[in-house]
């Protein structure tokens, strides 16, 4: 009997987990987070790029849990700050920093920089590892915008209240989940990844690759 495809997201961030679960659900893929796995590994995110950190999360947890794991790393890159906060976006204001603290530091760093020079982009890299720790699919996408002069909106998390989509004159936190699911960096990366996920069973059959882990627990027939 074929079970529901299952992927473990290599994070304990429940907000990120809920967002990605909603993005993968239309493809018939169930998502769980590390919060469901008490024996999950502690992964040090010391990569020098989003791709490196995504791979660290995916590989370490896949081998530890014996599951298909999706490592996702994302962050904000501000042009006037030479790409900062970048890979340290989640801890820009220090270890265990809150979203509010990170947002305050970002506003402090930009100071009175005029709107036309506050351009930025969100970047998301996704890496899927099989239970043996082998990378089987990757995707990366971005979303361009600019940093508002003050936080606006109540939806989302992270830098969403500051990230303004210029064409809409609204921040992601003002636009809300429906718009974010269409235009965000994470949504775009997920849409790019999904066709590759759905092709894995077929690719394995074509290659006669029965010895490798069957995608998401699906039985190959």
C-alpha atoms as a PDB file:
ATOM      1  CA  UNK A   1       0.000   0.000   0.000  1.00  0.00           C
ATOM      2  CA  UNK A   2       1.343   3.448  -0.882  1.00  0.00           C
ATOM      3  CA  UNK A   3       1.565   5.783   2.124  1.00  0.00           C
ATOM      4  CA  UNK A   4       1.387   9.553   2.130  1.00  0.00           C
ATOM      5  CA  UNK A   5       4.749  11.018   1.094  1.00  0.00           C
ATOM      6  CA  UNK A   6       6.483  12.377   4.186  1.00  0.00           C
ATOM      7  CA  UNK A   7       9.356  14.824   4.518  1.00  0.00           C
ATOM      8  CA  UNK A   8      10.868  16.120   7.752  1.00  0.00           C
ATOM      9  CA  UNK A   9      11.737  19.811   7.755  1.00  0.00           C
ATOM     10  CA  UNK A  10      15.082  20.356   9.471  1.00  0.00           C
ATOM     11  CA  UNK A  11      13.871  23.051  11.868  1.00  0.00           C
ATOM     12  CA  UNK A  12      11.954  23.475  15.103  1.00  0.00           C
ATOM     13  CA  UNK A  13      10.532  26.806  13.869  1.00  0.00           C
ATOM     14  CA  UNK A  14       6.795  26.135  13.955  1.00  0.00           C
ATOM     15  CA  UNK A  15       5.930  29.222  11.875  1.00  0.00           C
ATOM     16  CA  UNK A  16       8.319  28.216   9.110  1.00  0.00           C
ATOM     17  CA  UNK A  17       7.035  24.651   9.353  1.00  0.00           C
ATOM     18  CA  UNK A  18       3.414  25.725   8.968  1.00  0.00           C
ATOM     19  CA  UNK A  19       4.274  27.921   5.991  1.00  0.00           C
ATOM     20  CA  UNK A  20       6.147  25.160   4.183  1.00  0.00           C
ATOM     21  CA  UNK A  21       3.540  22.537   5.050  1.00  0.00           C
ATOM     22  CA  UNK A  22       0.915  24.676   3.330  1.00  0.00           C
ATOM     23  CA  UNK A  23       3.156  25.071   0.274  1.00  0.00           C
ATOM     24  CA  UNK A  24       3.784  21.316  -0.076  1.00  0.00           C
ATOM     25  CA  UNK A  25       0.256  20.130   0.735  1.00  0.00           C
ATOM     26  CA  UNK A  26      -1.168  20.719  -2.791  1.00  0.00           C
ATOM     27  CA  UNK A  27       1.464  18.273  -4.106  1.00  0.00           C
ATOM     28  CA  UNK A  28       0.248  15.616  -1.646  1.00  0.00           C
ATOM     29  CA  UNK A  29       3.384  15.774   0.483  1.00  0.00           C
ATOM     30  CA  UNK A  30       3.081  15.789   4.283  1.00  0.00           C
ATOM     31  CA  UNK A  31       5.603  17.752   6.325  1.00  0.00           C
ATOM     32  CA  UNK A  32       6.722  17.339   9.918  1.00  0.00           C
ATOM     33  CA  UNK A  33       9.265  19.390  11.838  1.00  0.00           C
ATOM     34  CA  UNK A  34      12.021  18.434  14.261  1.00  0.00           C
ATOM     35  CA  UNK A  35       9.608  19.246  17.078  1.00  0.00           C
ATOM     36  CA  UNK A  36       8.142  15.787  16.374  1.00  0.00           C
ATOM     37  CA  UNK A  37      11.535  14.094  16.822  1.00  0.00           C
ATOM     38  CA  UNK A  38      13.011  14.391  20.348  1.00  0.00           C
ATOM     39  CA  UNK A  39      16.188  12.607  19.240  1.00  0.00           C
ATOM     40  CA  UNK A  40      16.967  15.087  16.456  1.00  0.00           C
ATOM     41  CA  UNK A  41      20.594  16.140  16.102  1.00  0.00           C
ATOM     42  CA  UNK A  42      21.919  19.556  17.128  1.00  0.00           C
ATOM     43  CA  UNK A  43      23.244  21.108  13.924  1.00  0.00           C
ATOM     44  CA  UNK A  44      25.697  24.016  13.965  1.00  0.00           C
ATOM     45  CA  UNK A  45      24.773  26.366  11.127  1.00  0.00           C
ATOM     46  CA  UNK A  46      28.254  27.660  10.386  1.00  0.00           C
ATOM     47  CA  UNK A  47      28.101  27.563   6.581  1.00  0.00           C
ATOM     48  CA  UNK A  48      29.152  30.585   4.564  1.00  0.00           C
ATOM     49  CA  UNK A  49      26.077  30.512   2.323  1.00  0.00           C
ATOM     50  CA  UNK A  50      22.396  29.634   2.451  1.00  0.00           C
ATOM     51  CA  UNK A  51      23.139  26.544   0.353  1.00  0.00           C
ATOM     52  CA  UNK A  52      25.831  25.373   2.774  1.00  0.00           C
ATOM     53  CA  UNK A  53      23.581  25.781   5.811  1.00  0.00           C
ATOM     54  CA  UNK A  54      20.642  24.055   4.107  1.00  0.00           C
ATOM     55  CA  UNK A  55      22.891  21.095   3.301  1.00  0.00           C
ATOM     56  CA  UNK A  56      24.166  20.927   6.890  1.00  0.00           C
ATOM     57  CA  UNK A  57      20.618  20.810   8.243  1.00  0.00           C
ATOM     58  CA  UNK A  58      19.436  18.210   5.749  1.00  0.00           C
ATOM     59  CA  UNK A  59      22.417  15.858   5.883  1.00  0.00           C
ATOM     60  CA  UNK A  60      22.877  15.827   9.647  1.00  0.00           C
ATOM     61  CA  UNK A  61      19.232  15.220  10.470  1.00  0.00           C
ATOM     62  CA  UNK A  62      18.636  12.679   7.675  1.00  0.00           C
ATOM     63  CA  UNK A  63      21.389  10.398   8.927  1.00  0.00           C
ATOM     64  CA  UNK A  64      20.370  10.826  12.558  1.00  0.00           C
ATOM     65  CA  UNK A  65      16.654  10.234  12.055  1.00  0.00           C
ATOM     66  CA  UNK A  66      16.720   7.815   9.111  1.00  0.00           C
ATOM     67  CA  UNK A  67      14.210  10.056   7.340  1.00  0.00           C
ATOM     68  CA  UNK A  68      13.978  12.133   4.199  1.00  0.00           C
ATOM     69  CA  UNK A  69      14.857  15.616   5.437  1.00  0.00           C
ATOM     70  CA  UNK A  70      14.397  18.993   3.806  1.00  0.00           C
ATOM     71  CA  UNK A  71      17.014  21.474   4.924  1.00  0.00           C
ATOM     72  CA  UNK A  72      15.919  25.056   4.378  1.00  0.00           C
ATOM     73  CA  UNK A  73      17.991  28.153   4.980  1.00  0.00           C
ATOM     74  CA  UNK A  74      16.822  31.635   4.217  1.00  0.00           C
ATOM     75  CA  UNK A  75      17.625  35.186   5.082  1.00  0.00           C
ATOM     76  CA  UNK A  76      17.653  38.827   4.163  1.00  0.00           C
ATOM     77  CA  UNK A  77      20.336  40.525   2.093  1.00  0.00           C
ATOM     78  CA  UNK A  78      20.338  44.343   2.119  1.00  0.00           C
ATOM     79  CA  UNK A  79      22.240  45.972  -0.718  1.00  0.00           C
ATOM     80  CA  UNK A  80      23.368  49.045   1.208  1.00  0.00           C
ATOM     81  CA  UNK A  81      24.732  46.797   3.990  1.00  0.00           C
ATOM     82  CA  UNK A  82      26.843  44.732   1.564  1.00  0.00           C
ATOM     83  CA  UNK A  83      24.448  41.796   1.810  1.00  0.00           C
ATOM     84  CA  UNK A  84      24.006  41.804   5.586  1.00  0.00           C
ATOM     85  CA  UNK A  85      22.461  40.298   7.621  1.00  0.00           C
ATOM     86  CA  UNK A  86      22.720  37.369   5.188  1.00  0.00           C
ATOM     87  CA  UNK A  87      23.303  33.929   6.700  1.00  0.00           C
ATOM     88  CA  UNK A  88      23.099  35.359  10.234  1.00  0.00           C
ATOM     89  CA  UNK A  89      19.648  36.882   9.647  1.00  0.00           C
ATOM     90  CA  UNK A  90      18.049  34.889  12.479  1.00  0.00           C
ATOM     91  CA  UNK A  91      20.697  36.003  14.978  1.00  0.00           C
ATOM     92  CA  UNK A  92      21.536  39.447  13.631  1.00  0.00           C
ATOM     93  CA  UNK A  93      20.997  41.039  17.035  1.00  0.00           C
ATOM     94  CA  UNK A  94      22.782  38.188  18.856  1.00  0.00           C
ATOM     95  CA  UNK A  95      22.231  34.554  19.748  1.00  0.00           C
ATOM     96  CA  UNK A  96      18.586  33.788  20.580  1.00  0.00           C
ATOM     97  CA  UNK A  97      17.576  37.221  19.274  1.00  0.00           C
ATOM     98  CA  UNK A  98      13.866  37.912  18.874  1.00  0.00           C
ATOM     99  CA  UNK A  99      12.347  39.059  15.591  1.00  0.00           C
ATOM    100  CA  UNK A 100      11.762  42.472  17.130  1.00  0.00           C
ATOM    101  CA  UNK A 101      15.405  42.784  18.175  1.00  0.00           C
ATOM    102  CA  UNK A 102      16.634  41.823  14.704  1.00  0.00           C
ATOM    103  CA  UNK A 103      14.293  44.352  13.134  1.00  0.00           C
ATOM    104  CA  UNK A 104      15.474  47.100  15.467  1.00  0.00           C
ATOM    105  CA  UNK A 105      19.104  46.428  14.639  1.00  0.00           C
ATOM    106  CA  UNK A 106      18.373  46.483  10.924  1.00  0.00           C
ATOM    107  CA  UNK A 107      16.628  49.847  11.220  1.00  0.00           C
ATOM    108  CA  UNK A 108      19.518  51.181  13.311  1.00  0.00           C
ATOM    109  CA  UNK A 109      22.079  50.020  10.749  1.00  0.00           C
ATOM    110  CA  UNK A 110      20.224  51.682   7.882  1.00  0.00           C
ATOM    111  CA  UNK A 111      19.541  54.868   9.852  1.00  0.00           C
ATOM    112  CA  UNK A 112      18.283  57.630   7.563  1.00  0.00           C
ATOM    113  CA  UNK A 113      19.211  55.834   4.340  1.00  0.00           C
ATOM    114  CA  UNK A 114      16.668  57.052   1.746  1.00  0.00           C
ATOM    115  CA  UNK A 115      14.056  54.632   0.369  1.00  0.00           C
ATOM    116  CA  UNK A 116      15.711  54.296  -3.051  1.00  0.00           C
ATOM    117  CA  UNK A 117      18.851  52.937  -1.363  1.00  0.00           C
ATOM    118  CA  UNK A 118      17.072  50.519   0.980  1.00  0.00           C
ATOM    119  CA  UNK A 119      16.754  47.783  -1.641  1.00  0.00           C
ATOM    120  CA  UNK A 120      17.024  44.193  -0.457  1.00  0.00           C
ATOM    121  CA  UNK A 121      16.147  40.621  -1.280  1.00  0.00           C
ATOM    122  CA  UNK A 122      15.013  37.595   0.639  1.00  0.00           C
ATOM    123  CA  UNK A 123      16.808  34.386  -0.385  1.00  0.00           C
ATOM    124  CA  UNK A 124      15.734  30.789   0.277  1.00  0.00           C
ATOM    125  CA  UNK A 125      17.714  27.632  -0.455  1.00  0.00           C
ATOM    126  CA  UNK A 126      16.175  24.161  -0.051  1.00  0.00           C
ATOM    127  CA  UNK A 127      18.097  20.881   0.011  1.00  0.00           C
ATOM    128  CA  UNK A 128      16.516  17.427   0.210  1.00  0.00           C
ATOM    129  CA  UNK A 129      18.557  14.511   1.603  1.00  0.00           C
ATOM    130  CA  UNK A 130      17.586  10.854   1.652  1.00  0.00           C
ATOM    131  CA  UNK A 131      18.074   8.785   4.843  1.00  0.00           C
ATOM    132  CA  UNK A 132      21.638   7.919   3.839  1.00  0.00           C
ATOM    133  CA  UNK A 133      22.548  11.594   3.757  1.00  0.00           C
ATOM    134  CA  UNK A 134      22.763  11.933  -0.015  1.00  0.00           C
ATOM    135  CA  UNK A 135      21.458  15.136  -1.589  1.00  0.00           C
ATOM    136  CA  UNK A 136      18.649  14.279  -4.016  1.00  0.00           C
ATOM    137  CA  UNK A 137      17.172  17.685  -4.931  1.00  0.00           C
ATOM    138  CA  UNK A 138      17.861  21.402  -4.436  1.00  0.00           C
ATOM    139  CA  UNK A 139      16.332  24.747  -5.307  1.00  0.00           C
ATOM    140  CA  UNK A 140      17.015  28.415  -4.624  1.00  0.00           C
ATOM    141  CA  UNK A 141      14.879  31.480  -5.232  1.00  0.00           C
ATOM    142  CA  UNK A 142      14.663  35.080  -4.106  1.00  0.00           C
ATOM    143  CA  UNK A 143      12.174  37.892  -3.693  1.00  0.00           C
ATOM    144  CA  UNK A 144      13.182  41.522  -4.183  1.00  0.00           C
ATOM    145  CA  UNK A 145      11.890  44.495  -2.243  1.00  0.00           C
ATOM    146  CA  UNK A 146      13.101  47.271   0.046  1.00  0.00           C
ATOM    147  CA  UNK A 147      13.306  47.944   3.756  1.00  0.00           C
ATOM    148  CA  UNK A 148      10.558  50.153   5.124  1.00  0.00           C
ATOM    149  CA  UNK A 149      11.269  53.021   7.534  1.00  0.00           C
ATOM    150  CA  UNK A 150       9.304  51.280  10.277  1.00  0.00           C
ATOM    151  CA  UNK A 151       7.555  47.928  10.860  1.00  0.00           C
ATOM    152  CA  UNK A 152       4.107  47.622   9.275  1.00  0.00           C
ATOM    153  CA  UNK A 153       1.603  44.788   9.437  1.00  0.00           C
ATOM    154  CA  UNK A 154       0.823  41.921  11.793  1.00  0.00           C
ATOM    155  CA  UNK A 155       1.180  38.826   9.603  1.00  0.00           C
ATOM    156  CA  UNK A 156       4.222  36.642   9.061  1.00  0.00           C
ATOM    157  CA  UNK A 157       7.418  36.561  11.080  1.00  0.00           C
ATOM    158  CA  UNK A 158      11.071  37.572  10.953  1.00  0.00           C
ATOM    159  CA  UNK A 159      11.682  40.643   8.806  1.00  0.00           C
ATOM    160  CA  UNK A 160       8.258  40.497   7.126  1.00  0.00           C
ATOM    161  CA  UNK A 161       7.041  43.731   8.804  1.00  0.00           C
ATOM    162  CA  UNK A 162       9.987  45.619   7.261  1.00  0.00           C
ATOM    163  CA  UNK A 163      10.183  43.985   3.836  1.00  0.00           C
ATOM    164  CA  UNK A 164       8.141  46.050   1.413  1.00  0.00           C
ATOM    165  CA  UNK A 165       7.122  44.708  -1.971  1.00  0.00           C
ATOM    166  CA  UNK A 166       7.581  47.869  -4.018  1.00  0.00           C
ATOM    167  CA  UNK A 167       4.915  47.065  -6.611  1.00  0.00           C
ATOM    168  CA  UNK A 168       2.260  46.712  -3.900  1.00  0.00           C
ATOM    169  CA  UNK A 169       3.501  49.436  -1.537  1.00  0.00           C
ATOM    170  CA  UNK A 170       2.914  46.942   1.271  1.00  0.00           C
ATOM    171  CA  UNK A 171       5.171  44.864   3.483  1.00  0.00           C
ATOM    172  CA  UNK A 172       4.855  41.088   3.507  1.00  0.00           C
ATOM    173  CA  UNK A 173       3.334  41.432   6.980  1.00  0.00           C
ATOM    174  CA  UNK A 174       0.655  43.717   5.546  1.00  0.00           C
ATOM    175  CA  UNK A 175      -0.030  41.558   2.484  1.00  0.00           C
ATOM    176  CA  UNK A 176      -0.735  38.475   4.579  1.00  0.00           C
ATOM    177  CA  UNK A 177      -0.337  34.714   4.063  1.00  0.00           C
ATOM    178  CA  UNK A 178      -2.180  34.386   0.750  1.00  0.00           C
ATOM    179  CA  UNK A 179       0.047  36.905  -1.014  1.00  0.00           C
ATOM    180  CA  UNK A 180       3.145  35.571   0.706  1.00  0.00           C
ATOM    181  CA  UNK A 181       2.328  32.061  -0.512  1.00  0.00           C
ATOM    182  CA  UNK A 182       2.407  33.427  -4.063  1.00  0.00           C
ATOM    183  CA  UNK A 183       5.391  35.784  -4.142  1.00  0.00           C
ATOM    184  CA  UNK A 184       7.776  35.051  -1.261  1.00  0.00           C
ATOM    185  CA  UNK A 185      11.263  33.603  -1.663  1.00  0.00           C
ATOM    186  CA  UNK A 186      10.188  30.466   0.197  1.00  0.00           C
ATOM    187  CA  UNK A 187       7.097  29.988  -1.963  1.00  0.00           C
ATOM    188  CA  UNK A 188       9.142  30.369  -5.135  1.00  0.00           C
ATOM    189  CA  UNK A 189      11.795  27.918  -3.939  1.00  0.00           C
ATOM    190  CA  UNK A 190       9.100  25.393  -2.991  1.00  0.00           C
ATOM    191  CA  UNK A 191       7.414  25.673  -6.394  1.00  0.00           C
ATOM    192  CA  UNK A 192      10.753  25.062  -8.092  1.00  0.00           C
ATOM    193  CA  UNK A 193      11.471  22.061  -5.845  1.00  0.00           C
ATOM    194  CA  UNK A 194       8.105  20.271  -6.018  1.00  0.00           C
ATOM    195  CA  UNK A 195       8.421  18.985  -9.625  1.00  0.00           C
ATOM    196  CA  UNK A 196      11.810  17.514  -8.729  1.00  0.00           C
ATOM    197  CA  UNK A 197      10.343  15.797  -5.666  1.00  0.00           C
ATOM    198  CA  UNK A 198       7.530  14.273  -7.682  1.00  0.00           C
ATOM    199  CA  UNK A 199       9.968  12.983 -10.303  1.00  0.00           C
ATOM    200  CA  UNK A 200      12.150  11.079  -7.831  1.00  0.00           C
ATOM    201  CA  UNK A 201      10.174   7.790  -7.861  1.00  0.00           C
ATOM    202  CA  UNK A 202      10.108   7.788 -11.662  1.00  0.00           C
ATOM    203  CA  UNK A 203      13.811   8.623 -11.904  1.00  0.00           C
ATOM    204  CA  UNK A 204      14.695   5.779  -9.551  1.00  0.00           C
ATOM    205  CA  UNK A 205      12.671   3.299 -11.601  1.00  0.00           C
ATOM    206  CA  UNK A 206      14.309   4.438 -14.833  1.00  0.00           C
ATOM    207  CA  UNK A 207      17.771   3.981 -13.359  1.00  0.00           C
ATOM    208  CA  UNK A 208      16.944   0.634 -11.772  1.00  0.00           C
ATOM    209  CA  UNK A 209      18.041   2.230  -8.524  1.00  0.00           C
ATOM    210  CA  UNK A 210      16.183  -0.114  -6.181  1.00  0.00           C
ATOM    211  CA  UNK A 211      19.003  -0.120  -3.628  1.00  0.00           C
ATOM    212  CA  UNK A 212      18.680   3.555  -2.841  1.00  0.00           C
ATOM    213  CA  UNK A 213      16.109   4.766  -0.295  1.00  0.00           C
ATOM    214  CA  UNK A 214      12.642   4.856  -1.818  1.00  0.00           C
ATOM    215  CA  UNK A 215      11.421   8.463  -2.035  1.00  0.00           C
ATOM    216  CA  UNK A 216       9.450   9.488   1.069  1.00  0.00           C
ATOM    217  CA  UNK A 217       8.589   5.881   1.923  1.00  0.00           C
ATOM    218  CA  UNK A 218       6.742   5.290  -1.338  1.00  0.00           C
ATOM    219  CA  UNK A 219       6.732   1.718  -2.602  1.00  0.00           C
ATOM    220  CA  UNK A 220       8.294   1.465  -6.041  1.00  0.00           C
ATOM    221  CA  UNK A 221       6.191  -0.679  -8.356  1.00  0.00           C
END
